[in-house]
Amino acid sequence: MVWDRNQIHGKSGAVKAWLARHPGVVAEDFPGYVPDLNPDEGVWGWAKYGQLANLAAWDTTELWEQAGGELWELKHRPDLLKGFIRQTGLIGLLRAG
């Protein structure tokens, strides 16, 4: 499992307890700031510069609805989600490690 360095992950008692019960799961932190290794960057790039690039929302409600709708659609596109992970190159790094 690879996650960002947010303290909620590694400091949480619930997370520590779960990891203790699942010794086969190895948790690794991302480096401080490496957007190329973060699959979320692919998600946001796809949404901001693709799906929502020409959106001129009238207000924050419309913006929220449009952005949420695109992310909802993405939830049902495992091909794209897997692509964002593959694009980072982490799969090869994790297999090699």
Protein backbone atom coordinates (compact mmCIF):
# COMPACT_ATOMS: atom_id res chain seq x y z
CA MET A 1 0.00 0.00 0.00
CA VAL A 2 1.36 3.40 -0.97
CA TRP A 3 -0.01 6.57 0.59
CA ASP A 4 0.86 10.21 1.01
CA ARG A 5 2.60 11.46 4.13
CA ASN A 6 -0.57 12.72 5.80
CA GLN A 7 -0.22 11.87 9.48
CA ILE A 8 -3.74 10.50 9.61
CA HIS A 9 -2.49 7.33 7.90
CA GLY A 10 0.50 6.27 9.95
CA LYS A 11 -0.45 7.82 13.29
CA SER A 12 -4.01 6.52 13.49
CA GLY A 13 -4.52 3.83 16.12
CA ALA A 14 -7.13 2.14 13.92
CA VAL A 15 -4.72 2.01 10.98
CA LYS A 16 -1.88 0.71 13.15
CA ALA A 17 -4.15 -1.99 14.58
CA TRP A 18 -5.35 -3.04 11.12
CA LEU A 19 -1.79 -3.24 9.79
CA ALA A 20 -0.75 -5.28 12.84
CA ARG A 21 -3.51 -7.79 12.03
CA HIS A 22 -2.45 -7.94 8.36
CA PRO A 23 1.33 -8.46 8.32
CA GLY A 24 1.29 -9.18 4.59
CA VAL A 25 0.32 -5.57 3.88
CA VAL A 26 3.31 -3.27 3.63
CA ALA A 27 2.69 0.47 3.89
CA GLU A 28 5.08 2.85 2.16
CA ASP A 29 4.99 6.64 2.21
CA PHE A 30 5.30 8.68 -0.95
CA PRO A 31 8.27 11.03 -0.96
CA GLY A 32 7.48 14.56 0.27
CA TYR A 33 6.21 15.95 -3.04
CA VAL A 34 6.53 13.94 -6.20
CA PRO A 35 3.46 14.56 -8.35
CA ASP A 36 4.71 12.18 -11.06
CA LEU A 37 4.32 9.29 -8.61
CA ASN A 38 0.86 10.33 -7.43
CA PRO A 39 -2.02 8.73 -9.38
CA ASP A 40 -4.32 11.49 -8.09
CA GLU A 41 -2.51 13.90 -10.38
CA GLY A 42 -3.76 11.87 -13.35
CA VAL A 43 -7.31 12.04 -12.03
CA TRP A 44 -7.20 15.80 -11.54
CA GLY A 45 -5.44 16.39 -14.85
CA TRP A 46 -8.07 14.32 -16.67
CA ALA A 47 -10.88 16.22 -14.97
CA LYS A 48 -9.47 19.76 -15.05
CA TYR A 49 -7.78 19.81 -18.43
CA GLY A 50 -10.02 17.34 -20.22
CA GLN A 51 -13.58 16.98 -19.05
CA LEU A 52 -13.97 20.40 -17.41
CA ALA A 53 -11.56 22.45 -19.53
CA ASN A 54 -14.27 24.55 -21.20
CA LEU A 55 -16.67 24.75 -18.28
CA ALA A 56 -17.78 28.26 -17.41
CA ALA A 57 -19.89 27.59 -14.33
CA TRP A 58 -22.37 30.26 -13.28
CA ASP A 59 -21.72 29.63 -9.61
CA THR A 60 -20.04 27.30 -7.15
CA THR A 61 -23.09 25.04 -7.09
CA GLU A 62 -22.82 24.36 -10.81
CA LEU A 63 -19.05 23.92 -10.54
CA TRP A 64 -19.49 21.43 -7.69
CA GLU A 65 -22.16 19.50 -9.59
CA GLN A 66 -20.13 19.32 -12.79
CA ALA A 67 -16.87 18.34 -11.08
CA GLY A 68 -18.64 15.81 -8.88
CA GLY A 69 -20.45 14.37 -11.88
CA GLU A 70 -17.20 13.87 -13.81
CA LEU A 71 -15.57 12.18 -10.82
CA TRP A 72 -18.67 9.99 -10.40
CA GLU A 73 -18.37 8.91 -14.04
CA LEU A 74 -14.66 8.23 -13.56
CA LYS A 75 -15.51 5.93 -10.66
CA HIS A 76 -17.06 3.61 -13.23
CA ARG A 77 -14.01 3.66 -15.56
CA PRO A 78 -11.53 1.17 -14.10
CA ASP A 79 -9.59 1.30 -17.37
CA LEU A 80 -8.79 4.98 -16.78
CA LEU A 81 -8.12 4.55 -13.08
CA LYS A 82 -5.68 1.72 -13.77
CA GLY A 83 -4.07 3.87 -16.45
CA PHE A 84 -3.43 6.67 -13.95
CA ILE A 85 -1.66 4.16 -11.71
CA ARG A 86 0.33 2.64 -14.61
CA GLN A 87 1.37 6.12 -15.75
CA THR A 88 3.23 6.68 -12.47
CA GLY A 89 5.50 3.69 -13.06
CA LEU A 90 4.91 2.59 -9.47
CA ILE A 91 3.79 -0.90 -10.49
CA GLY A 92 7.25 -1.69 -11.88
CA LEU A 93 8.98 -0.07 -8.91
CA LEU A 94 6.88 -2.01 -6.42
CA ARG A 95 7.44 -5.32 -8.22
CA ALA A 96 11.19 -4.68 -8.41
CA GLY A 97 11.40 -3.80 -4.71
